[in-house]
Amino acid sequence: MRRLAGLAARTIDWWGVVYVFATVIEAAEQVAVYRLRQREQHLSIDLILYKIHYYSLSRQTKHIRDVASALAYSGALLDLDYLERWARRLELTDVWHGVRVAAQRLLDEFE
């Protein structure tokens, strides 16, 4: 009888374990999605900065199209203040403003 009483004391609430496990998995997925969005935002900003730099050197309109695509894809997620600061540091503020206006014109044509 003691042996049975010991087994009863060690029973596991499997539904509770499953719930906790599912909650942990869901939280991990949310963290992964957040990190992916952060990484995506920084990749877009880096791409835009490179495109602005190359546009300042070559004045090729393909760079404006690429910036327009990056803005259309992740524009709401972009930290434009951060982008402005880096454009200022790289002495590309005037070029950035010109490219941004041209890119916005391209985006307006597709709406």
C-alpha atoms as a PDB file:
ATOM      1  CA  MET A   1       0.000   0.000   0.000  1.00  0.00           C
ATOM      2  CA  ARG A   2       2.834   2.382   0.731  1.00  0.00           C
ATOM      3  CA  ARG A   3       4.155   1.759  -2.714  1.00  0.00           C
ATOM      4  CA  LEU A   4       0.832   2.796  -4.271  1.00  0.00           C
ATOM      5  CA  ALA A   5       0.595   5.845  -2.059  1.00  0.00           C
ATOM      6  CA  GLY A   6       4.072   6.882  -3.227  1.00  0.00           C
ATOM      7  CA  LEU A   7       3.049   6.524  -6.866  1.00  0.00           C
ATOM      8  CA  ALA A   8      -0.066   8.582  -6.315  1.00  0.00           C
ATOM      9  CA  ALA A   9       2.025  11.334  -4.777  1.00  0.00           C
ATOM     10  CA  ARG A  10       4.232  11.431  -7.879  1.00  0.00           C
ATOM     11  CA  THR A  11       1.473  11.759 -10.449  1.00  0.00           C
ATOM     12  CA  ILE A  12       1.946  14.556 -12.900  1.00  0.00           C
ATOM     13  CA  ASP A  13      -0.667  17.011 -14.018  1.00  0.00           C
ATOM     14  CA  TRP A  14      -0.034  16.398 -17.724  1.00  0.00           C
ATOM     15  CA  TRP A  15      -2.469  19.095 -18.858  1.00  0.00           C
ATOM     16  CA  GLY A  16      -0.570  21.617 -16.780  1.00  0.00           C
ATOM     17  CA  VAL A  17       2.731  20.457 -18.251  1.00  0.00           C
ATOM     18  CA  VAL A  18       1.350  20.652 -21.780  1.00  0.00           C
ATOM     19  CA  TYR A  19      -0.023  24.149 -21.095  1.00  0.00           C
ATOM     20  CA  VAL A  20       3.287  25.373 -19.675  1.00  0.00           C
ATOM     21  CA  PHE A  21       5.182  23.822 -22.588  1.00  0.00           C
ATOM     22  CA  ALA A  22       2.842  25.449 -25.121  1.00  0.00           C
ATOM     23  CA  THR A  23       3.206  28.807 -23.364  1.00  0.00           C
ATOM     24  CA  VAL A  24       6.999  28.563 -23.431  1.00  0.00           C
ATOM     25  CA  ILE A  25       6.966  27.640 -27.135  1.00  0.00           C
ATOM     26  CA  GLU A  26       4.625  30.545 -27.921  1.00  0.00           C
ATOM     27  CA  ALA A  27       6.842  32.997 -26.021  1.00  0.00           C
ATOM     28  CA  ALA A  28       9.925  31.698 -27.845  1.00  0.00           C
ATOM     29  CA  GLU A  29       8.163  32.155 -31.190  1.00  0.00           C
ATOM     30  CA  GLN A  30       7.233  35.735 -30.286  1.00  0.00           C
ATOM     31  CA  VAL A  31      10.839  36.508 -29.340  1.00  0.00           C
ATOM     32  CA  ALA A  32      12.054  34.968 -32.612  1.00  0.00           C
ATOM     33  CA  VAL A  33       9.588  37.056 -34.649  1.00  0.00           C
ATOM     34  CA  TYR A  34      10.626  40.223 -32.775  1.00  0.00           C
ATOM     35  CA  ARG A  35      14.316  39.522 -33.403  1.00  0.00           C
ATOM     36  CA  LEU A  36      13.633  38.810 -37.066  1.00  0.00           C
ATOM     37  CA  ARG A  37      11.782  42.111 -37.442  1.00  0.00           C
ATOM     38  CA  GLN A  38      14.627  43.988 -35.732  1.00  0.00           C
ATOM     39  CA  ARG A  39      17.183  42.325 -38.005  1.00  0.00           C
ATOM     40  CA  GLU A  40      15.011  43.053 -41.040  1.00  0.00           C
ATOM     41  CA  GLN A  41      14.751  46.721 -40.068  1.00  0.00           C
ATOM     42  CA  HIS A  42      18.520  47.085 -39.750  1.00  0.00           C
ATOM     43  CA  LEU A  43      19.125  45.272 -43.036  1.00  0.00           C
ATOM     44  CA  SER A  44      16.722  47.646 -44.789  1.00  0.00           C
ATOM     45  CA  ILE A  45      18.410  50.697 -43.267  1.00  0.00           C
ATOM     46  CA  ASP A  46      21.843  49.393 -44.256  1.00  0.00           C
ATOM     47  CA  LEU A  47      20.612  48.737 -47.778  1.00  0.00           C
ATOM     48  CA  ILE A  48      19.166  52.232 -48.051  1.00  0.00           C
ATOM     49  CA  LEU A  49      22.390  53.797 -46.783  1.00  0.00           C
ATOM     50  CA  TYR A  50      24.467  51.857 -49.302  1.00  0.00           C
ATOM     51  CA  LYS A  51      22.085  52.756 -52.105  1.00  0.00           C
ATOM     52  CA  ILE A  52      22.235  56.450 -51.154  1.00  0.00           C
ATOM     53  CA  HIS A  53      26.024  56.284 -51.142  1.00  0.00           C
ATOM     54  CA  TYR A  54      26.173  54.595 -54.551  1.00  0.00           C
ATOM     55  CA  TYR A  55      23.608  57.015 -55.952  1.00  0.00           C
ATOM     56  CA  SER A  56      25.795  59.912 -54.797  1.00  0.00           C
ATOM     57  CA  LEU A  57      28.667  58.409 -56.801  1.00  0.00           C
ATOM     58  CA  SER A  58      26.890  57.325 -59.984  1.00  0.00           C
ATOM     59  CA  ARG A  59      23.475  59.056 -60.121  1.00  0.00           C
ATOM     60  CA  GLN A  60      21.996  55.835 -61.529  1.00  0.00           C
ATOM     61  CA  THR A  61      18.230  55.677 -61.103  1.00  0.00           C
ATOM     62  CA  LYS A  62      18.319  51.970 -60.231  1.00  0.00           C
ATOM     63  CA  HIS A  63      19.422  53.019 -56.740  1.00  0.00           C
ATOM     64  CA  ILE A  64      16.304  55.173 -56.357  1.00  0.00           C
ATOM     65  CA  ARG A  65      14.144  52.200 -57.414  1.00  0.00           C
ATOM     66  CA  ASP A  66      15.884  50.008 -54.846  1.00  0.00           C
ATOM     67  CA  VAL A  67      15.312  52.576 -52.091  1.00  0.00           C
ATOM     68  CA  ALA A  68      11.663  52.850 -53.140  1.00  0.00           C
ATOM     69  CA  SER A  69      11.344  49.051 -52.875  1.00  0.00           C
ATOM     70  CA  ALA A  70      12.937  49.020 -49.420  1.00  0.00           C
ATOM     71  CA  LEU A  71      10.614  51.815 -48.264  1.00  0.00           C
ATOM     72  CA  ALA A  72       7.567  50.046 -49.700  1.00  0.00           C
ATOM     73  CA  TYR A  73       8.539  46.743 -48.110  1.00  0.00           C
ATOM     74  CA  SER A  74       9.431  47.911 -44.610  1.00  0.00           C
ATOM     75  CA  GLY A  75       8.724  51.627 -44.511  1.00  0.00           C
ATOM     76  CA  ALA A  76       6.458  51.537 -41.455  1.00  0.00           C
ATOM     77  CA  LEU A  77       9.033  49.506 -39.535  1.00  0.00           C
ATOM     78  CA  LEU A  78      11.988  51.730 -40.351  1.00  0.00           C
ATOM     79  CA  ASP A  79      13.496  54.004 -37.749  1.00  0.00           C
ATOM     80  CA  LEU A  80      13.798  57.072 -39.949  1.00  0.00           C
ATOM     81  CA  ASP A  81      15.507  59.103 -37.206  1.00  0.00           C
ATOM     82  CA  TYR A  82      18.274  56.507 -37.080  1.00  0.00           C
ATOM     83  CA  LEU A  83      18.530  56.616 -40.869  1.00  0.00           C
ATOM     84  CA  GLU A  84      18.724  60.420 -40.807  1.00  0.00           C
ATOM     85  CA  ARG A  85      21.504  60.335 -38.190  1.00  0.00           C
ATOM     86  CA  TRP A  86      23.572  57.954 -40.293  1.00  0.00           C
ATOM     87  CA  ALA A  87      22.973  59.966 -43.451  1.00  0.00           C
ATOM     88  CA  ARG A  88      24.241  63.017 -41.543  1.00  0.00           C
ATOM     89  CA  ARG A  89      27.311  61.121 -40.282  1.00  0.00           C
ATOM     90  CA  LEU A  90      28.106  59.950 -43.803  1.00  0.00           C
ATOM     91  CA  GLU A  91      27.503  63.474 -45.145  1.00  0.00           C
ATOM     92  CA  LEU A  92      24.716  62.218 -47.391  1.00  0.00           C
ATOM     93  CA  THR A  93      21.808  64.215 -45.957  1.00  0.00           C
ATOM     94  CA  ASP A  94      21.101  66.187 -49.146  1.00  0.00           C
ATOM     95  CA  VAL A  95      21.380  63.077 -51.285  1.00  0.00           C
ATOM     96  CA  TRP A  96      19.086  61.154 -48.888  1.00  0.00           C
ATOM     97  CA  HIS A  97      16.411  63.849 -49.052  1.00  0.00           C
ATOM     98  CA  GLY A  98      16.555  63.903 -52.856  1.00  0.00           C
ATOM     99  CA  VAL A  99      16.422  60.117 -53.130  1.00  0.00           C
ATOM    100  CA  ARG A 100      13.595  59.944 -50.598  1.00  0.00           C
ATOM    101  CA  VAL A 101      11.479  62.422 -52.569  1.00  0.00           C
ATOM    102  CA  ALA A 102      12.188  60.598 -55.851  1.00  0.00           C
ATOM    103  CA  ALA A 103      11.435  57.227 -54.270  1.00  0.00           C
ATOM    104  CA  GLN A 104       8.166  58.548 -52.845  1.00  0.00           C
ATOM    105  CA  ARG A 105       7.192  59.791 -56.324  1.00  0.00           C
ATOM    106  CA  LEU A 106       7.813  56.287 -57.692  1.00  0.00           C
ATOM    107  CA  LEU A 107       5.703  54.745 -54.935  1.00  0.00           C
ATOM    108  CA  ASP A 108       2.892  57.238 -55.561  1.00  0.00           C
ATOM    109  CA  GLU A 109       2.800  56.212 -59.233  1.00  0.00           C
ATOM    110  CA  PHE A 110       2.052  52.595 -58.242  1.00  0.00           C
ATOM    111  CA  GLU A 111      -0.797  53.424 -55.867  1.00  0.00           C
END
